[in-house]
PDB file of all heavy atoms in Angstrom:
ATOM      1  N   LYS A   1      -5.999   7.694  -1.493  1.00  0.00           N
ATOM      2  CA  LYS A   1      -6.537   6.342  -1.286  1.00  0.00           C
ATOM      3  C   LYS A   1      -5.690   5.531  -0.310  1.00  0.00           C
ATOM      4  O   LYS A   1      -6.208   4.965   0.642  1.00  0.00           O
ATOM      5  CB  LYS A   1      -6.604   5.592  -2.636  1.00  0.00           C
ATOM      6  CG  LYS A   1      -7.504   6.209  -3.656  1.00  0.00           C
ATOM      7  CD  LYS A   1      -7.442   5.489  -4.985  1.00  0.00           C
ATOM      8  CE  LYS A   1      -6.081   5.440  -5.600  1.00  0.00           C
ATOM      9  NZ  LYS A   1      -5.456   6.725  -5.961  1.00  0.00           N
ATOM     10  N   THR A   2      -4.390   5.481  -0.550  1.00  0.00           N
ATOM     11  CA  THR A   2      -3.512   4.682   0.305  1.00  0.00           C
ATOM     12  C   THR A   2      -3.462   5.246   1.719  1.00  0.00           C
ATOM     13  O   THR A   2      -3.472   4.485   2.689  1.00  0.00           O
ATOM     14  CB  THR A   2      -2.102   4.585  -0.300  1.00  0.00           C
ATOM     15  OG1 THR A   2      -2.227   4.002  -1.617  1.00  0.00           O
ATOM     16  CG2 THR A   2      -1.175   3.722   0.529  1.00  0.00           C
ATOM     17  N   SER A   3      -3.483   6.554   1.854  1.00  0.00           N
ATOM     18  CA  SER A   3      -3.510   7.164   3.194  1.00  0.00           C
ATOM     19  C   SER A   3      -4.781   6.791   3.936  1.00  0.00           C
ATOM     20  O   SER A   3      -4.747   6.494   5.140  1.00  0.00           O
ATOM     21  CB  SER A   3      -3.399   8.687   3.088  1.00  0.00           C
ATOM     22  OG  SER A   3      -2.153   9.046   2.559  1.00  0.00           O
ATOM     23  N   LEU A   4      -5.911   6.780   3.233  1.00  0.00           N
ATOM     24  CA  LEU A   4      -7.183   6.371   3.854  1.00  0.00           C
ATOM     25  C   LEU A   4      -7.111   4.921   4.287  1.00  0.00           C
ATOM     26  O   LEU A   4      -7.485   4.572   5.416  1.00  0.00           O
ATOM     27  CB  LEU A   4      -8.343   6.579   2.881  1.00  0.00           C
ATOM     28  CG  LEU A   4      -9.696   6.045   3.337  1.00  0.00           C
ATOM     29  CD1 LEU A   4     -10.211   6.818   4.548  1.00  0.00           C
ATOM     30  CD2 LEU A   4     -10.701   6.065   2.195  1.00  0.00           C
ATOM     31  N   VAL A   5      -6.603   4.057   3.412  1.00  0.00           N
ATOM     32  CA  VAL A   5      -6.498   2.639   3.732  1.00  0.00           C
ATOM     33  C   VAL A   5      -5.579   2.428   4.941  1.00  0.00           C
ATOM     34  O   VAL A   5      -5.885   1.642   5.829  1.00  0.00           O
ATOM     35  CB  VAL A   5      -6.014   1.837   2.490  1.00  0.00           C
ATOM     36  CG1 VAL A   5      -5.637   0.425   2.861  1.00  0.00           C
ATOM     37  CG2 VAL A   5      -7.095   1.836   1.402  1.00  0.00           C
ATOM     38  N   LYS A   6      -4.469   3.144   4.983  1.00  0.00           N
ATOM     39  CA  LYS A   6      -3.559   3.035   6.128  1.00  0.00           C
ATOM     40  C   LYS A   6      -4.277   3.436   7.424  1.00  0.00           C
ATOM     41  O   LYS A   6      -4.076   2.809   8.459  1.00  0.00           O
ATOM     42  CB  LYS A   6      -2.333   3.927   5.929  1.00  0.00           C
ATOM     43  CG  LYS A   6      -1.318   3.364   4.995  1.00  0.00           C
ATOM     44  CD  LYS A   6      -0.133   4.313   4.841  1.00  0.00           C
ATOM     45  CE  LYS A   6       0.839   3.809   3.800  1.00  0.00           C
ATOM     46  NZ  LYS A   6       1.956   4.741   3.572  1.00  0.00           N
ATOM     47  N   ALA A   7      -5.086   4.473   7.359  1.00  0.00           N
ATOM     48  CA  ALA A   7      -5.802   4.957   8.549  1.00  0.00           C
ATOM     49  C   ALA A   7      -6.852   3.952   9.022  1.00  0.00           C
ATOM     50  O   ALA A   7      -7.075   3.822  10.224  1.00  0.00           O
ATOM     51  CB  ALA A   7      -6.447   6.303   8.273  1.00  0.00           C
ATOM     52  N   LEU A   8      -7.478   3.240   8.106  1.00  0.00           N
ATOM     53  CA  LEU A   8      -8.543   2.304   8.472  1.00  0.00           C
ATOM     54  C   LEU A   8      -8.026   0.921   8.850  1.00  0.00           C
ATOM     55  O   LEU A   8      -8.660   0.202   9.629  1.00  0.00           O
ATOM     56  CB  LEU A   8      -9.511   2.119   7.280  1.00  0.00           C
ATOM     57  CG  LEU A   8     -10.357   3.323   6.890  1.00  0.00           C
ATOM     58  CD1 LEU A   8     -11.130   3.006   5.611  1.00  0.00           C
ATOM     59  CD2 LEU A   8     -11.298   3.710   8.010  1.00  0.00           C
ATOM     60  N   SER A   9      -6.879   0.546   8.342  1.00  0.00           N
ATOM     61  CA  SER A   9      -6.414  -0.841   8.454  1.00  0.00           C
ATOM     62  C   SER A   9      -5.758  -1.158   9.788  1.00  0.00           C
ATOM     63  O   SER A   9      -5.033  -0.347  10.345  1.00  0.00           O
ATOM     64  CB  SER A   9      -5.411  -1.153   7.343  1.00  0.00           C
ATOM     65  OG  SER A   9      -6.031  -0.999   6.099  1.00  0.00           O
ATOM     66  N   VAL A  10      -6.036  -2.364  10.256  1.00  0.00           N
ATOM     67  CA  VAL A  10      -5.351  -2.898  11.429  1.00  0.00           C
ATOM     68  C   VAL A  10      -4.643  -4.204  11.077  1.00  0.00           C
ATOM     69  O   VAL A  10      -3.822  -4.686  11.846  1.00  0.00           O
ATOM     70  CB  VAL A  10      -6.322  -3.131  12.619  1.00  0.00           C
ATOM     71  CG1 VAL A  10      -6.875  -1.807  13.124  1.00  0.00           C
ATOM     72  CG2 VAL A  10      -7.460  -4.063  12.238  1.00  0.00           C
ATOM     73  N   ILE A  11      -4.959  -4.764   9.916  1.00  0.00           N
ATOM     74  CA  ILE A  11      -4.342  -6.015   9.455  1.00  0.00           C
ATOM     75  C   ILE A  11      -3.748  -5.730   8.083  1.00  0.00           C
ATOM     76  O   ILE A  11      -4.457  -5.294   7.176  1.00  0.00           O
ATOM     77  CB  ILE A  11      -5.392  -7.147   9.350  1.00  0.00           C
ATOM     78  CG1 ILE A  11      -6.068  -7.394  10.702  1.00  0.00           C
ATOM     79  CG2 ILE A  11      -4.727  -8.429   8.824  1.00  0.00           C
ATOM     80  CD1 ILE A  11      -7.300  -8.276  10.603  1.00  0.00           C
ATOM     81  N   LEU A  12      -2.456  -5.969   7.932  1.00  0.00           N
ATOM     82  CA  LEU A  12      -1.792  -5.737   6.651  1.00  0.00           C
ATOM     83  C   LEU A  12      -1.301  -7.060   6.081  1.00  0.00           C
ATOM     84  O   LEU A  12      -0.741  -7.870   6.810  1.00  0.00           O
ATOM     85  CB  LEU A  12      -0.610  -4.787   6.819  1.00  0.00           C
ATOM     86  CG  LEU A  12      -0.928  -3.403   7.370  1.00  0.00           C
ATOM     87  CD1 LEU A  12       0.351  -2.605   7.576  1.00  0.00           C
ATOM     88  CD2 LEU A  12      -1.872  -2.648   6.458  1.00  0.00           C
ATOM     89  N   SER A  13      -1.515  -7.251   4.794  1.00  0.00           N
ATOM     90  CA  SER A  13      -1.026  -8.478   4.153  1.00  0.00           C
ATOM     91  C   SER A  13       0.398  -8.251   3.696  1.00  0.00           C
ATOM     92  O   SER A  13       0.932  -7.147   3.757  1.00  0.00           O
ATOM     93  CB  SER A  13      -1.911  -8.856   2.972  1.00  0.00           C
ATOM     94  OG  SER A  13      -1.579  -8.061   1.855  1.00  0.00           O
ATOM     95  N   THR A  14       1.011  -9.298   3.187  1.00  0.00           N
ATOM     96  CA  THR A  14       2.366  -9.157   2.654  1.00  0.00           C
ATOM     97  C   THR A  14       2.339  -8.371   1.344  1.00  0.00           C
ATOM     98  O   THR A  14       3.375  -7.925   0.879  1.00  0.00           O
ATOM     99  CB  THR A  14       3.006 -10.534   2.416  1.00  0.00           C
ATOM    100  OG1 THR A  14       2.156 -11.301   1.562  1.00  0.00           O
ATOM    101  CG2 THR A  14       3.239 -11.260   3.719  1.00  0.00           C
ATOM    102  N   ALA A  15       1.168  -8.201   0.744  1.00  0.00           N
ATOM    103  CA  ALA A  15       1.024  -7.425  -0.488  1.00  0.00           C
ATOM    104  C   ALA A  15       0.190  -6.183  -0.203  1.00  0.00           C
ATOM    105  O   ALA A  15      -0.808  -5.929  -0.834  1.00  0.00           O
ATOM    106  CB  ALA A  15       0.362  -8.281  -1.569  1.00  0.00           C
ATOM    107  N   SER A  16       0.623  -5.414   0.787  1.00  0.00           N
ATOM    108  CA  SER A  16      -0.191  -4.264   1.157  1.00  0.00           C
ATOM    109  C   SER A  16       0.579  -2.968   1.031  1.00  0.00           C
ATOM    110  O   SER A  16       1.784  -2.901   1.247  1.00  0.00           O
ATOM    111  CB  SER A  16      -0.687  -4.430   2.587  1.00  0.00           C
ATOM    112  OG  SER A  16       0.383  -4.353   3.485  1.00  0.00           O
ATOM    113  N   LEU A  17      -0.142  -1.950   0.675  1.00  0.00           N
ATOM    114  CA  LEU A  17       0.285  -0.566   0.802  1.00  0.00           C
ATOM    115  C   LEU A  17       1.675  -0.271   0.246  1.00  0.00           C
ATOM    116  O   LEU A  17       2.598   0.059   0.988  1.00  0.00           O
ATOM    117  CB  LEU A  17       0.164  -0.122   2.259  1.00  0.00           C
ATOM    118  CG  LEU A  17      -1.192  -0.448   2.908  1.00  0.00           C
ATOM    119  CD1 LEU A  17      -1.210   0.011   4.341  1.00  0.00           C
ATOM    120  CD2 LEU A  17      -2.339   0.126   2.140  1.00  0.00           C
ATOM    121  N   ASP A  18       1.779  -0.390  -1.024  1.00  0.00           N
ATOM    122  CA  ASP A  18       2.996   0.006  -1.737  1.00  0.00           C
ATOM    123  C   ASP A  18       4.253  -0.731  -1.300  1.00  0.00           C
ATOM    124  O   ASP A  18       5.301  -0.144  -1.092  1.00  0.00           O
ATOM    125  CB  ASP A  18       3.201   1.529  -1.644  1.00  0.00           C
ATOM    126  CG  ASP A  18       2.037   2.296  -2.271  1.00  0.00           C
ATOM    127  OD1 ASP A  18       1.344   1.723  -3.130  1.00  0.00           O
ATOM    128  OD2 ASP A  18       1.846   3.463  -1.895  1.00  0.00           O
ATOM    129  N   LYS A  19       4.149  -2.047  -1.164  1.00  0.00           N
ATOM    130  CA  LYS A  19       5.313  -2.860  -0.809  1.00  0.00           C
ATOM    131  C   LYS A  19       6.329  -2.910  -1.951  1.00  0.00           C
ATOM    132  O   LYS A  19       7.516  -3.096  -1.724  1.00  0.00           O
ATOM    133  CB  LYS A  19       4.890  -4.288  -0.463  1.00  0.00           C
ATOM    134  CG  LYS A  19       4.064  -4.395   0.780  1.00  0.00           C
ATOM    135  CD  LYS A  19       4.909  -4.354   2.014  1.00  0.00           C
ATOM    136  CE  LYS A  19       4.037  -4.626   3.219  1.00  0.00           C
ATOM    137  NZ  LYS A  19       4.707  -4.498   4.463  1.00  0.00           N
ATOM    138  N   ASN A  20       5.850  -2.748  -3.174  1.00  0.00           N
ATOM    139  CA  ASN A  20       6.728  -2.781  -4.341  1.00  0.00           C
ATOM    140  C   ASN A  20       7.735  -1.631  -4.239  1.00  0.00           C
ATOM    141  O   ASN A  20       7.346  -0.475  -4.117  1.00  0.00           O
ATOM    142  CB  ASN A  20       5.868  -2.629  -5.599  1.00  0.00           C
ATOM    143  CG  ASN A  20       6.646  -2.727  -6.877  1.00  0.00           C
ATOM    144  OD1 ASN A  20       7.799  -2.315  -6.958  1.00  0.00           O
ATOM    145  ND2 ASN A  20       6.002  -3.248  -7.905  1.00  0.00           N
ATOM    146  N   PRO A  21       9.044  -1.931  -4.296  1.00  0.00           N
ATOM    147  CA  PRO A  21      10.049  -0.873  -4.193  1.00  0.00           C
ATOM    148  C   PRO A  21       9.857   0.234  -5.236  1.00  0.00           C
ATOM    149  O   PRO A  21      10.111   1.405  -4.968  1.00  0.00           O
ATOM    150  CB  PRO A  21      11.376  -1.610  -4.416  1.00  0.00           C
ATOM    151  CG  PRO A  21      11.096  -3.028  -4.100  1.00  0.00           C
ATOM    152  CD  PRO A  21       9.641  -3.262  -4.413  1.00  0.00           C
ATOM    153  N   GLN A  22       9.391  -0.143  -6.420  1.00  0.00           N
ATOM    154  CA  GLN A  22       9.156   0.854  -7.459  1.00  0.00           C
ATOM    155  C   GLN A  22       8.013   1.808  -7.069  1.00  0.00           C
ATOM    156  O   GLN A  22       8.037   2.978  -7.419  1.00  0.00           O
ATOM    157  CB  GLN A  22       8.867   0.158  -8.784  1.00  0.00           C
ATOM    158  CG  GLN A  22       9.167   1.005  -9.991  1.00  0.00           C
ATOM    159  CD  GLN A  22       8.979   0.237 -11.269  1.00  0.00           C
ATOM    160  OE1 GLN A  22       8.028  -0.521 -11.436  1.00  0.00           O
ATOM    161  NE2 GLN A  22       9.887   0.433 -12.203  1.00  0.00           N
ATOM    162  N   SER A  23       7.017   1.295  -6.317  1.00  0.00           N
ATOM    163  CA  SER A  23       5.935   2.145  -5.824  1.00  0.00           C
ATOM    164  C   SER A  23       6.492   3.211  -4.904  1.00  0.00           C
ATOM    165  O   SER A  23       6.129   4.394  -4.991  1.00  0.00           O
ATOM    166  CB  SER A  23       4.902   1.329  -5.058  1.00  0.00           C
ATOM    167  OG  SER A  23       4.096   0.571  -5.918  1.00  0.00           O
ATOM    168  N   ARG A  24       7.354   2.801  -3.991  1.00  0.00           N
ATOM    169  CA  ARG A  24       7.950   3.762  -3.051  1.00  0.00           C
ATOM    170  C   ARG A  24       8.826   4.764  -3.779  1.00  0.00           C
ATOM    171  O   ARG A  24       8.821   5.943  -3.479  1.00  0.00           O
ATOM    172  CB  ARG A  24       8.739   3.010  -1.974  1.00  0.00           C
ATOM    173  CG  ARG A  24       7.809   2.365  -0.966  1.00  0.00           C
ATOM    174  CD  ARG A  24       8.591   1.753   0.178  1.00  0.00           C
ATOM    175  NE  ARG A  24       8.177   0.355   0.229  1.00  0.00           N
ATOM    176  CZ  ARG A  24       8.970  -0.660   0.450  1.00  0.00           C
ATOM    177  NH1 ARG A  24      10.233  -0.482   0.694  1.00  0.00           N
ATOM    178  NH2 ARG A  24       8.509  -1.883   0.471  1.00  0.00           N
ATOM    179  N   GLN A  25       9.585   4.274  -4.758  1.00  0.00           N
ATOM    180  CA  GLN A  25      10.489   5.150  -5.512  1.00  0.00           C
ATOM    181  C   GLN A  25       9.694   6.203  -6.296  1.00  0.00           C
ATOM    182  O   GLN A  25      10.063   7.370  -6.310  1.00  0.00           O
ATOM    183  CB  GLN A  25      11.355   4.313  -6.440  1.00  0.00           C
ATOM    184  CG  GLN A  25      12.329   5.108  -7.282  1.00  0.00           C
ATOM    185  CD  GLN A  25      13.088   4.228  -8.261  1.00  0.00           C
ATOM    186  OE1 GLN A  25      12.867   3.020  -8.353  1.00  0.00           O
ATOM    187  NE2 GLN A  25      13.988   4.824  -9.009  1.00  0.00           N
ATOM    188  N   ARG A  26       8.621   5.779  -6.946  1.00  0.00           N
ATOM    189  CA  ARG A  26       7.829   6.697  -7.777  1.00  0.00           C
ATOM    190  C   ARG A  26       6.777   7.472  -6.982  1.00  0.00           C
ATOM    191  O   ARG A  26       6.217   8.444  -7.472  1.00  0.00           O
ATOM    192  CB  ARG A  26       7.147   5.902  -8.898  1.00  0.00           C
ATOM    193  CG  ARG A  26       8.162   5.340  -9.881  1.00  0.00           C
ATOM    194  CD  ARG A  26       7.535   4.497 -10.941  1.00  0.00           C
ATOM    195  NE  ARG A  26       6.585   5.237 -11.750  1.00  0.00           N
ATOM    196  CZ  ARG A  26       5.803   4.685 -12.661  1.00  0.00           C
ATOM    197  NH1 ARG A  26       5.879   3.386 -12.892  1.00  0.00           N
ATOM    198  NH2 ARG A  26       4.956   5.406 -13.336  1.00  0.00           N
ATOM    199  N   GLY A  27       6.477   7.004  -5.767  1.00  0.00           N
ATOM    200  CA  GLY A  27       5.507   7.694  -4.934  1.00  0.00           C
ATOM    201  C   GLY A  27       4.061   7.470  -5.338  1.00  0.00           C
ATOM    202  O   GLY A  27       3.193   8.281  -5.020  1.00  0.00           O
ATOM    203  N   ILE A  28       3.794   6.376  -6.068  1.00  0.00           N
ATOM    204  CA  ILE A  28       2.425   6.047  -6.466  1.00  0.00           C
ATOM    205  C   ILE A  28       2.191   4.549  -6.271  1.00  0.00           C
ATOM    206  O   ILE A  28       3.130   3.762  -6.297  1.00  0.00           O
ATOM    207  CB  ILE A  28       2.087   6.443  -7.925  1.00  0.00           C
ATOM    208  CG1 ILE A  28       2.980   5.684  -8.919  1.00  0.00           C
ATOM    209  CG2 ILE A  28       2.194   7.948  -8.127  1.00  0.00           C
ATOM    210  CD1 ILE A  28       2.574   5.870 -10.377  1.00  0.00           C
ATOM    211  N   THR A  29       0.948   4.174  -6.120  1.00  0.00           N
ATOM    212  CA  THR A  29       0.588   2.768  -6.004  1.00  0.00           C
ATOM    213  C   THR A  29       0.629   2.137  -7.388  1.00  0.00           C
ATOM    214  O   THR A  29       0.003   2.637  -8.327  1.00  0.00           O
ATOM    215  CB  THR A  29      -0.830   2.632  -5.391  1.00  0.00           C
ATOM    216  OG1 THR A  29      -0.805   3.219  -4.097  1.00  0.00           O
ATOM    217  CG2 THR A  29      -1.264   1.192  -5.313  1.00  0.00           C
ATOM    218  N   LEU A  30       1.368   1.028  -7.505  1.00  0.00           N
ATOM    219  CA  LEU A  30       1.489   0.318  -8.777  1.00  0.00           C
ATOM    220  C   LEU A  30       0.740  -1.000  -8.789  1.00  0.00           C
ATOM    221  O   LEU A  30       0.345  -1.477  -9.843  1.00  0.00           O
ATOM    222  CB  LEU A  30       2.968   0.070  -9.104  1.00  0.00           C
ATOM    223  CG  LEU A  30       3.824   1.312  -9.305  1.00  0.00           C
ATOM    224  CD1 LEU A  30       5.289   0.924  -9.458  1.00  0.00           C
ATOM    225  CD2 LEU A  30       3.344   2.115 -10.497  1.00  0.00           C
ATOM    226  N   ASP A  31       0.595  -1.620  -7.620  1.00  0.00           N
ATOM    227  CA  ASP A  31      -0.044  -2.923  -7.502  1.00  0.00           C
ATOM    228  C   ASP A  31      -1.265  -2.816  -6.602  1.00  0.00           C
ATOM    229  O   ASP A  31      -1.414  -1.857  -5.858  1.00  0.00           O
ATOM    230  CB  ASP A  31       0.925  -3.937  -6.872  1.00  0.00           C
ATOM    231  CG  ASP A  31       2.179  -4.130  -7.676  1.00  0.00           C
ATOM    232  OD1 ASP A  31       2.081  -4.236  -8.909  1.00  0.00           O
ATOM    233  OD2 ASP A  31       3.266  -4.176  -7.073  1.00  0.00           O
ATOM    234  N   LEU A  32      -2.100  -3.849  -6.628  1.00  0.00           N
ATOM    235  CA  LEU A  32      -3.187  -3.918  -5.672  1.00  0.00           C
ATOM    236  C   LEU A  32      -2.587  -4.142  -4.281  1.00  0.00           C
ATOM    237  O   LEU A  32      -1.662  -4.917  -4.111  1.00  0.00           O
ATOM    238  CB  LEU A  32      -4.125  -5.084  -6.008  1.00  0.00           C
ATOM    239  CG  LEU A  32      -4.837  -5.022  -7.352  1.00  0.00           C
ATOM    240  CD1 LEU A  32      -5.654  -6.290  -7.562  1.00  0.00           C
ATOM    241  CD2 LEU A  32      -5.723  -3.800  -7.456  1.00  0.00           C
ATOM    242  N   GLY A  33      -3.125  -3.439  -3.297  1.00  0.00           N
ATOM    243  CA  GLY A  33      -2.683  -3.608  -1.918  1.00  0.00           C
ATOM    244  C   GLY A  33      -3.826  -4.162  -1.096  1.00  0.00           C
ATOM    245  O   GLY A  33      -4.976  -3.758  -1.277  1.00  0.00           O
ATOM    246  N   PHE A  34      -3.535  -5.100  -0.211  1.00  0.00           N
ATOM    247  CA  PHE A  34      -4.587  -5.740   0.586  1.00  0.00           C
ATOM    248  C   PHE A  34      -4.367  -5.487   2.057  1.00  0.00           C
ATOM    249  O   PHE A  34      -3.260  -5.672   2.572  1.00  0.00           O
ATOM    250  CB  PHE A  34      -4.619  -7.249   0.305  1.00  0.00           C
ATOM    251  CG  PHE A  34      -4.900  -7.556  -1.142  1.00  0.00           C
ATOM    252  CD1 PHE A  34      -3.855  -7.719  -2.047  1.00  0.00           C
ATOM    253  CD2 PHE A  34      -6.197  -7.671  -1.602  1.00  0.00           C
ATOM    254  CE1 PHE A  34      -4.109  -7.990  -3.390  1.00  0.00           C
ATOM    255  CE2 PHE A  34      -6.454  -7.942  -2.935  1.00  0.00           C
ATOM    256  CZ  PHE A  34      -5.416  -8.107  -3.829  1.00  0.00           C
ATOM    257  N   SER A  35      -5.415  -5.066   2.733  1.00  0.00           N
ATOM    258  CA  SER A  35      -5.370  -4.850   4.176  1.00  0.00           C
ATOM    259  C   SER A  35      -6.789  -5.037   4.700  1.00  0.00           C
ATOM    260  O   SER A  35      -7.713  -5.295   3.928  1.00  0.00           O
ATOM    261  CB  SER A  35      -4.844  -3.455   4.500  1.00  0.00           C
ATOM    262  OG  SER A  35      -5.704  -2.470   3.954  1.00  0.00           O
TER     263      SER A  35
END
């Protein structure tokens, strides 16, 4: 899902695509991401 969103998106919000450090650490999306 996140890879697809990254491929489609040209505008990223401050709450987009695994910005949460815990998301990056665990390798999964934990919060809603907006783009």
